[in-house]
Every structure is written in structure tokens, then in C-alpha cells.
Amino acid sequence: ALSDMVSCLAEIAHETKGYDLPELNEPEEG
């Protein structure tokens, strides 16, 4: 859930501010 939220926030910043998207690591199990 946290990884998904962080990805969504980055996408909003990309669209509203033109910032580059960060490289996000998928959370490992556990």
C-alpha cells in the first residue's frame, strides 16, 4: 500500500510540476 501511494504521489508531481519520476523498488514479501 505504501509503495503504491508513493508511486501515485510521484505521478502527480510529474504531471503538476514536471518533475522526473523516481525509480521505485517493489516491496519484498514481509
PDB file of all heavy atoms in Angstrom:
ATOM      1  N   ALA A   1       0.832  -1.200   0.000  1.00  0.00           N
ATOM      2  CA  ALA A   1       0.000   0.000   0.000  1.00  0.00           C
ATOM      3  C   ALA A   1       0.869   1.254   0.000  1.00  0.00           C
ATOM      4  O   ALA A   1       0.584   2.232  -0.705  1.00  0.00           O
ATOM      5  CB  ALA A   1      -0.924  -0.002   1.214  1.00  0.00           C
ATOM      6  N   LEU A   2       1.935   1.233   0.777  1.00  0.00           N
ATOM      7  CA  LEU A   2       2.848   2.373   0.853  1.00  0.00           C
ATOM      8  C   LEU A   2       3.550   2.588  -0.479  1.00  0.00           C
ATOM      9  O   LEU A   2       3.670   3.724  -0.957  1.00  0.00           O
ATOM     10  CB  LEU A   2       3.864   2.130   1.968  1.00  0.00           C
ATOM     11  CG  LEU A   2       4.742   3.305   2.387  1.00  0.00           C
ATOM     12  CD1 LEU A   2       3.887   4.456   2.896  1.00  0.00           C
ATOM     13  CD2 LEU A   2       5.729   2.860   3.455  1.00  0.00           C
ATOM     14  N   SER A   3       4.006   1.497  -1.091  1.00  0.00           N
ATOM     15  CA  SER A   3       4.677   1.593  -2.385  1.00  0.00           C
ATOM     16  C   SER A   3       3.744   2.164  -3.442  1.00  0.00           C
ATOM     17  O   SER A   3       4.133   3.018  -4.249  1.00  0.00           O
ATOM     18  CB  SER A   3       5.173   0.210  -2.818  1.00  0.00           C
ATOM     19  OG  SER A   3       5.769   0.259  -4.097  1.00  0.00           O
ATOM     20  N   ASP A   4       2.493   1.726  -3.422  1.00  0.00           N
ATOM     21  CA  ASP A   4       1.511   2.211  -4.383  1.00  0.00           C
ATOM     22  C   ASP A   4       1.240   3.698  -4.162  1.00  0.00           C
ATOM     23  O   ASP A   4       1.157   4.480  -5.125  1.00  0.00           O
ATOM     24  CB  ASP A   4       0.220   1.408  -4.243  1.00  0.00           C
ATOM     25  CG  ASP A   4      -0.848   1.844  -5.231  1.00  0.00           C
ATOM     26  OD1 ASP A   4      -0.703   1.532  -6.429  1.00  0.00           O
ATOM     27  OD2 ASP A   4      -1.814   2.501  -4.817  1.00  0.00           O
ATOM     28  N   MET A   5       1.112   4.112  -2.904  1.00  0.00           N
ATOM     29  CA  MET A   5       0.856   5.519  -2.606  1.00  0.00           C
ATOM     30  C   MET A   5       2.019   6.398  -3.053  1.00  0.00           C
ATOM     31  O   MET A   5       1.817   7.458  -3.655  1.00  0.00           O
ATOM     32  CB  MET A   5       0.591   5.720  -1.117  1.00  0.00           C
ATOM     33  CG  MET A   5       0.413   7.187  -0.727  1.00  0.00           C
ATOM     34  SD  MET A   5       0.190   7.445   1.043  1.00  0.00           S
ATOM     35  CE  MET A   5      -1.579   7.148   1.170  1.00  0.00           C
ATOM     36  N   VAL A   6       3.237   5.966  -2.767  1.00  0.00           N
ATOM     37  CA  VAL A   6       4.421   6.738  -3.153  1.00  0.00           C
ATOM     38  C   VAL A   6       4.488   6.882  -4.676  1.00  0.00           C
ATOM     39  O   VAL A   6       4.832   7.953  -5.203  1.00  0.00           O
ATOM     40  CB  VAL A   6       5.696   6.068  -2.606  1.00  0.00           C
ATOM     41  CG1 VAL A   6       6.948   6.688  -3.224  1.00  0.00           C
ATOM     42  CG2 VAL A   6       5.753   6.205  -1.087  1.00  0.00           C
ATOM     43  N   SER A   7       4.147   5.828  -5.373  1.00  0.00           N
ATOM     44  CA  SER A   7       4.124   5.872  -6.837  1.00  0.00           C
ATOM     45  C   SER A   7       3.080   6.866  -7.339  1.00  0.00           C
ATOM     46  O   SER A   7       3.334   7.640  -8.270  1.00  0.00           O
ATOM     47  CB  SER A   7       3.829   4.470  -7.390  1.00  0.00           C
ATOM     48  OG  SER A   7       3.744   4.496  -8.800  1.00  0.00           O
ATOM     49  N   CYS A   8       1.916   6.866  -6.713  1.00  0.00           N
ATOM     50  CA  CYS A   8       0.851   7.795  -7.094  1.00  0.00           C
ATOM     51  C   CYS A   8       1.256   9.243  -6.843  1.00  0.00           C
ATOM     52  O   CYS A   8       1.006  10.133  -7.670  1.00  0.00           O
ATOM     53  CB  CYS A   8      -0.429   7.473  -6.327  1.00  0.00           C
ATOM     54  SG  CYS A   8      -1.232   5.936  -6.831  1.00  0.00           S
ATOM     55  N   LEU A   9       1.891   9.506  -5.705  1.00  0.00           N
ATOM     56  CA  LEU A   9       2.344  10.865  -5.384  1.00  0.00           C
ATOM     57  C   LEU A   9       3.378  11.348  -6.389  1.00  0.00           C
ATOM     58  O   LEU A   9       3.362  12.507  -6.818  1.00  0.00           O
ATOM     59  CB  LEU A   9       2.918  10.899  -3.971  1.00  0.00           C
ATOM     60  CG  LEU A   9       1.921  10.663  -2.828  1.00  0.00           C
ATOM     61  CD1 LEU A   9       2.662  10.433  -1.514  1.00  0.00           C
ATOM     62  CD2 LEU A   9       0.948  11.831  -2.693  1.00  0.00           C
ATOM     63  N   ALA A  10       4.278  10.451  -6.782  1.00  0.00           N
ATOM     64  CA  ALA A  10       5.304  10.806  -7.759  1.00  0.00           C
ATOM     65  C   ALA A  10       4.683  11.127  -9.114  1.00  0.00           C
ATOM     66  O   ALA A  10       5.118  12.053  -9.807  1.00  0.00           O
ATOM     67  CB  ALA A  10       6.307   9.658  -7.898  1.00  0.00           C
ATOM     68  N   GLU A  11       3.653  10.382  -9.483  1.00  0.00           N
ATOM     69  CA  GLU A  11       2.975  10.615 -10.765  1.00  0.00           C
ATOM     70  C   GLU A  11       2.270  11.971 -10.755  1.00  0.00           C
ATOM     71  O   GLU A  11       2.290  12.699 -11.752  1.00  0.00           O
ATOM     72  CB  GLU A  11       1.963   9.499 -11.034  1.00  0.00           C
ATOM     73  CG  GLU A  11       1.230   9.632 -12.355  1.00  0.00           C
ATOM     74  CD  GLU A  11       2.144   9.539 -13.565  1.00  0.00           C
ATOM     75  OE1 GLU A  11       3.124   8.768 -13.511  1.00  0.00           O
ATOM     76  OE2 GLU A  11       1.877  10.254 -14.559  1.00  0.00           O
ATOM     77  N   ILE A  12       1.670  12.325  -9.616  1.00  0.00           N
ATOM     78  CA  ILE A  12       1.021  13.634  -9.524  1.00  0.00           C
ATOM     79  C   ILE A  12       2.050  14.753  -9.678  1.00  0.00           C
ATOM     80  O   ILE A  12       1.843  15.722 -10.412  1.00  0.00           O
ATOM     81  CB  ILE A  12       0.269  13.783  -8.189  1.00  0.00           C
ATOM     82  CG1 ILE A  12      -0.889  12.782  -8.115  1.00  0.00           C
ATOM     83  CG2 ILE A  12      -0.264  15.213  -8.022  1.00  0.00           C
ATOM     84  CD1 ILE A  12      -1.573  12.729  -6.757  1.00  0.00           C
ATOM     85  N   ALA A  13       3.188  14.602  -8.996  1.00  0.00           N
ATOM     86  CA  ALA A  13       4.248  15.611  -9.082  1.00  0.00           C
ATOM     87  C   ALA A  13       4.784  15.724 -10.511  1.00  0.00           C
ATOM     88  O   ALA A  13       5.125  16.817 -10.981  1.00  0.00           O
ATOM     89  CB  ALA A  13       5.387  15.253  -8.126  1.00  0.00           C
ATOM     90  N   HIS A  14       4.855  14.605 -11.200  1.00  0.00           N
ATOM     91  CA  HIS A  14       5.315  14.591 -12.589  1.00  0.00           C
ATOM     92  C   HIS A  14       4.373  15.401 -13.469  1.00  0.00           C
ATOM     93  O   HIS A  14       4.815  16.150 -14.356  1.00  0.00           O
ATOM     94  CB  HIS A  14       5.392  13.143 -13.075  1.00  0.00           C
ATOM     95  CG  HIS A  14       5.839  12.998 -14.499  1.00  0.00           C
ATOM     96  ND1 HIS A  14       7.101  13.349 -14.924  1.00  0.00           N
ATOM     97  CD2 HIS A  14       5.170  12.543 -15.602  1.00  0.00           C
ATOM     98  CE1 HIS A  14       7.204  13.113 -16.232  1.00  0.00           C
ATOM     99  NE2 HIS A  14       6.045  12.629 -16.652  1.00  0.00           N
ATOM    100  N   GLU A  15       3.064  15.278 -13.213  1.00  0.00           N
ATOM    101  CA  GLU A  15       2.076  15.952 -14.033  1.00  0.00           C
ATOM    102  C   GLU A  15       1.896  17.422 -13.650  1.00  0.00           C
ATOM    103  O   GLU A  15       1.751  18.282 -14.522  1.00  0.00           O
ATOM    104  CB  GLU A  15       0.725  15.230 -13.921  1.00  0.00           C
ATOM    105  CG  GLU A  15       0.724  13.829 -14.497  1.00  0.00           C
ATOM    106  CD  GLU A  15       0.917  13.813 -16.002  1.00  0.00           C
ATOM    107  OE1 GLU A  15       0.422  14.748 -16.663  1.00  0.00           O
ATOM    108  OE2 GLU A  15       1.556  12.872 -16.516  1.00  0.00           O
ATOM    109  N   THR A  16       1.895  17.717 -12.339  1.00  0.00           N
ATOM    110  CA  THR A  16       1.622  19.089 -11.904  1.00  0.00           C
ATOM    111  C   THR A  16       2.852  19.985 -11.890  1.00  0.00           C
ATOM    112  O   THR A  16       2.748  21.202 -12.045  1.00  0.00           O
ATOM    113  CB  THR A  16       0.995  19.115 -10.500  1.00  0.00           C
ATOM    114  OG1 THR A  16       1.910  18.515  -9.558  1.00  0.00           O
ATOM    115  CG2 THR A  16      -0.326  18.359 -10.478  1.00  0.00           C
ATOM    116  N   LYS A  17       4.026  19.383 -11.673  1.00  0.00           N
ATOM    117  CA  LYS A  17       5.252  20.172 -11.557  1.00  0.00           C
ATOM    118  C   LYS A  17       6.292  19.841 -12.633  1.00  0.00           C
ATOM    119  O   LYS A  17       7.291  20.540 -12.763  1.00  0.00           O
ATOM    120  CB  LYS A  17       5.883  19.939 -10.169  1.00  0.00           C
ATOM    121  CG  LYS A  17       5.070  20.513  -9.004  1.00  0.00           C
ATOM    122  CD  LYS A  17       5.078  22.021  -9.024  1.00  0.00           C
ATOM    123  CE  LYS A  17       4.420  22.640  -7.806  1.00  0.00           C
ATOM    124  NZ  LYS A  17       5.167  22.485  -6.572  1.00  0.00           N
ATOM    125  N   GLY A  18       6.083  18.754 -13.367  1.00  0.00           N
ATOM    126  CA  GLY A  18       7.044  18.374 -14.388  1.00  0.00           C
ATOM    127  C   GLY A  18       8.284  17.694 -13.847  1.00  0.00           C
ATOM    128  O   GLY A  18       9.303  17.587 -14.537  1.00  0.00           O
ATOM    129  N   TYR A  19       8.219  17.197 -12.606  1.00  0.00           N
ATOM    130  CA  TYR A  19       9.369  16.530 -12.004  1.00  0.00           C
ATOM    131  C   TYR A  19       9.565  15.144 -12.617  1.00  0.00           C
ATOM    132  O   TYR A  19       8.603  14.480 -13.040  1.00  0.00           O
ATOM    133  CB  TYR A  19       9.178  16.373 -10.495  1.00  0.00           C
ATOM    134  CG  TYR A  19       9.086  17.672  -9.727  1.00  0.00           C
ATOM    135  CD1 TYR A  19       8.377  17.740  -8.528  1.00  0.00           C
ATOM    136  CD2 TYR A  19       9.710  18.831 -10.182  1.00  0.00           C
ATOM    137  CE1 TYR A  19       8.293  18.930  -7.807  1.00  0.00           C
ATOM    138  CE2 TYR A  19       9.628  20.013  -9.471  1.00  0.00           C
ATOM    139  CZ  TYR A  19       8.913  20.058  -8.284  1.00  0.00           C
ATOM    140  OH  TYR A  19       8.831  21.230  -7.583  1.00  0.00           O
ATOM    141  N   ASP A  20      10.815  14.708 -12.654  1.00  0.00           N
ATOM    142  CA  ASP A  20      11.110  13.355 -13.124  1.00  0.00           C
ATOM    143  C   ASP A  20      10.519  12.328 -12.166  1.00  0.00           C
ATOM    144  O   ASP A  20      10.389  12.581 -10.961  1.00  0.00           O
ATOM    145  CB  ASP A  20      12.625  13.132 -13.223  1.00  0.00           C
ATOM    146  CG  ASP A  20      13.254  13.954 -14.337  1.00  0.00           C
ATOM    147  OD1 ASP A  20      12.528  14.334 -15.285  1.00  0.00           O
ATOM    148  OD2 ASP A  20      14.470  14.223 -14.252  1.00  0.00           O
ATOM    149  N   LEU A  21      10.199  11.166 -12.703  1.00  0.00           N
ATOM    150  CA  LEU A  21       9.690  10.084 -11.863  1.00  0.00           C
ATOM    151  C   LEU A  21      10.852   9.333 -11.229  1.00  0.00           C
ATOM    152  O   LEU A  21      11.838   9.041 -11.893  1.00  0.00           O
ATOM    153  CB  LEU A  21       8.853   9.108 -12.706  1.00  0.00           C
ATOM    154  CG  LEU A  21       7.532   9.666 -13.242  1.00  0.00           C
ATOM    155  CD1 LEU A  21       6.931   8.687 -14.237  1.00  0.00           C
ATOM    156  CD2 LEU A  21       6.566   9.919 -12.098  1.00  0.00           C
ATOM    157  N   PRO A  22      10.763   9.021  -9.932  1.00  0.00           N
ATOM    158  CA  PRO A  22      11.836   8.266  -9.266  1.00  0.00           C
ATOM    159  C   PRO A  22      11.785   6.801  -9.653  1.00  0.00           C
ATOM    160  O   PRO A  22      10.764   6.295 -10.133  1.00  0.00           O
ATOM    161  CB  PRO A  22      11.521   8.447  -7.779  1.00  0.00           C
ATOM    162  CG  PRO A  22      10.026   8.603  -7.751  1.00  0.00           C
ATOM    163  CD  PRO A  22       9.673   9.364  -8.999  1.00  0.00           C
ATOM    164  N   GLU A  23      12.903   6.118  -9.457  1.00  0.00           N
ATOM    165  CA  GLU A  23      12.917   4.677  -9.630  1.00  0.00           C
ATOM    166  C   GLU A  23      12.409   4.053  -8.343  1.00  0.00           C
ATOM    167  O   GLU A  23      12.987   4.250  -7.275  1.00  0.00           O
ATOM    168  CB  GLU A  23      14.332   4.183  -9.935  1.00  0.00           C
ATOM    169  CG  GLU A  23      14.866   4.669 -11.277  1.00  0.00           C
ATOM    170  CD  GLU A  23      16.233   4.084 -11.574  1.00  0.00           C
ATOM    171  OE1 GLU A  23      16.677   3.204 -10.806  1.00  0.00           O
ATOM    172  OE2 GLU A  23      16.855   4.500 -12.574  1.00  0.00           O
ATOM    173  N   LEU A  24      11.318   3.325  -8.444  1.00  0.00           N
ATOM    174  CA  LEU A  24      10.689   2.747  -7.262  1.00  0.00           C
ATOM    175  C   LEU A  24      10.938   1.253  -7.220  1.00  0.00           C
ATOM    176  O   LEU A  24      10.781   0.555  -8.224  1.00  0.00           O
ATOM    177  CB  LEU A  24       9.177   3.016  -7.278  1.00  0.00           C
ATOM    178  CG  LEU A  24       8.772   4.498  -7.295  1.00  0.00           C
ATOM    179  CD1 LEU A  24       7.269   4.614  -7.473  1.00  0.00           C
ATOM    180  CD2 LEU A  24       9.201   5.170  -5.999  1.00  0.00           C
ATOM    181  N   ASN A  25      11.314   0.775  -6.053  1.00  0.00           N
ATOM    182  CA  ASN A  25      11.512  -0.656  -5.854  1.00  0.00           C
ATOM    183  C   ASN A  25      10.240  -1.271  -5.315  1.00  0.00           C
ATOM    184  O   ASN A  25       9.628  -0.737  -4.384  1.00  0.00           O
ATOM    185  CB  ASN A  25      12.663  -0.909  -4.873  1.00  0.00           C
ATOM    186  CG  ASN A  25      13.987  -0.427  -5.408  1.00  0.00           C
ATOM    187  OD1 ASN A  25      14.261  -0.553  -6.600  1.00  0.00           O
ATOM    188  ND2 ASN A  25      14.810   0.152  -4.533  1.00  0.00           N
ATOM    189  N   GLU A  26       9.841  -2.396  -5.874  1.00  0.00           N
ATOM    190  CA  GLU A  26       8.671  -3.086  -5.377  1.00  0.00           C
ATOM    191  C   GLU A  26       8.975  -3.670  -4.001  1.00  0.00           C
ATOM    192  O   GLU A  26      10.056  -4.221  -3.770  1.00  0.00           O
ATOM    193  CB  GLU A  26       8.265  -4.230  -6.324  1.00  0.00           C
ATOM    194  CG  GLU A  26       7.734  -3.738  -7.651  1.00  0.00           C
ATOM    195  CD  GLU A  26       6.470  -2.916  -7.496  1.00  0.00           C
ATOM    196  OE1 GLU A  26       5.648  -3.253  -6.621  1.00  0.00           O
ATOM    197  OE2 GLU A  26       6.303  -1.937  -8.234  1.00  0.00           O
ATOM    198  N   PRO A  27       8.064  -3.566  -3.030  1.00  0.00           N
ATOM    199  CA  PRO A  27       8.305  -4.106  -1.698  1.00  0.00           C
ATOM    200  C   PRO A  27       8.416  -5.627  -1.742  1.00  0.00           C
ATOM    201  O   PRO A  27       7.669  -6.291  -2.452  1.00  0.00           O
ATOM    202  CB  PRO A  27       7.059  -3.673  -0.908  1.00  0.00           C
ATOM    203  CG  PRO A  27       6.003  -3.516  -1.950  1.00  0.00           C
ATOM    204  CD  PRO A  27       6.696  -3.008  -3.160  1.00  0.00           C
ATOM    205  N   GLU A  28       9.370  -6.128  -0.998  1.00  0.00           N
ATOM    206  CA  GLU A  28       9.524  -7.567  -0.929  1.00  0.00           C
ATOM    207  C   GLU A  28       8.547  -8.125   0.081  1.00  0.00           C
ATOM    208  O   GLU A  28       8.090  -7.451   0.991  1.00  0.00           O
ATOM    209  CB  GLU A  28      10.961  -7.927  -0.506  1.00  0.00           C
ATOM    210  CG  GLU A  28      11.999  -7.451  -1.539  1.00  0.00           C
ATOM    211  CD  GLU A  28      13.402  -7.837  -1.097  1.00  0.00           C
ATOM    212  OE1 GLU A  28      13.512  -8.487  -0.025  1.00  0.00           O
ATOM    213  OE2 GLU A  28      14.353  -7.509  -1.806  1.00  0.00           O
ATOM    214  N   GLU A  29       8.202  -9.391  -0.093  1.00  0.00           N
ATOM    215  CA  GLU A  29       7.259 -10.025   0.797  1.00  0.00           C
ATOM    216  C   GLU A  29       7.772  -9.987   2.226  1.00  0.00           C
ATOM    217  O   GLU A  29       8.921 -10.352   2.508  1.00  0.00           O
ATOM    218  CB  GLU A  29       7.035 -11.483   0.368  1.00  0.00           C
ATOM    219  CG  GLU A  29       5.963 -12.193   1.169  1.00  0.00           C
ATOM    220  CD  GLU A  29       5.697 -13.591   0.657  1.00  0.00           C
ATOM    221  OE1 GLU A  29       6.281 -13.948  -0.383  1.00  0.00           O
ATOM    222  OE2 GLU A  29       4.924 -14.311   1.299  1.00  0.00           O
ATOM    223  N   GLY A  30       6.923  -9.505   3.119  1.00  0.00           N
ATOM    224  CA  GLY A  30       7.310  -9.452   4.528  1.00  0.00           C
ATOM    225  C   GLY A  30       8.078  -8.217   4.909  1.00  0.00           C
ATOM    226  O   GLY A  30       8.438  -8.023   6.058  1.00  0.00           O
TER     227      GLY A  30
END
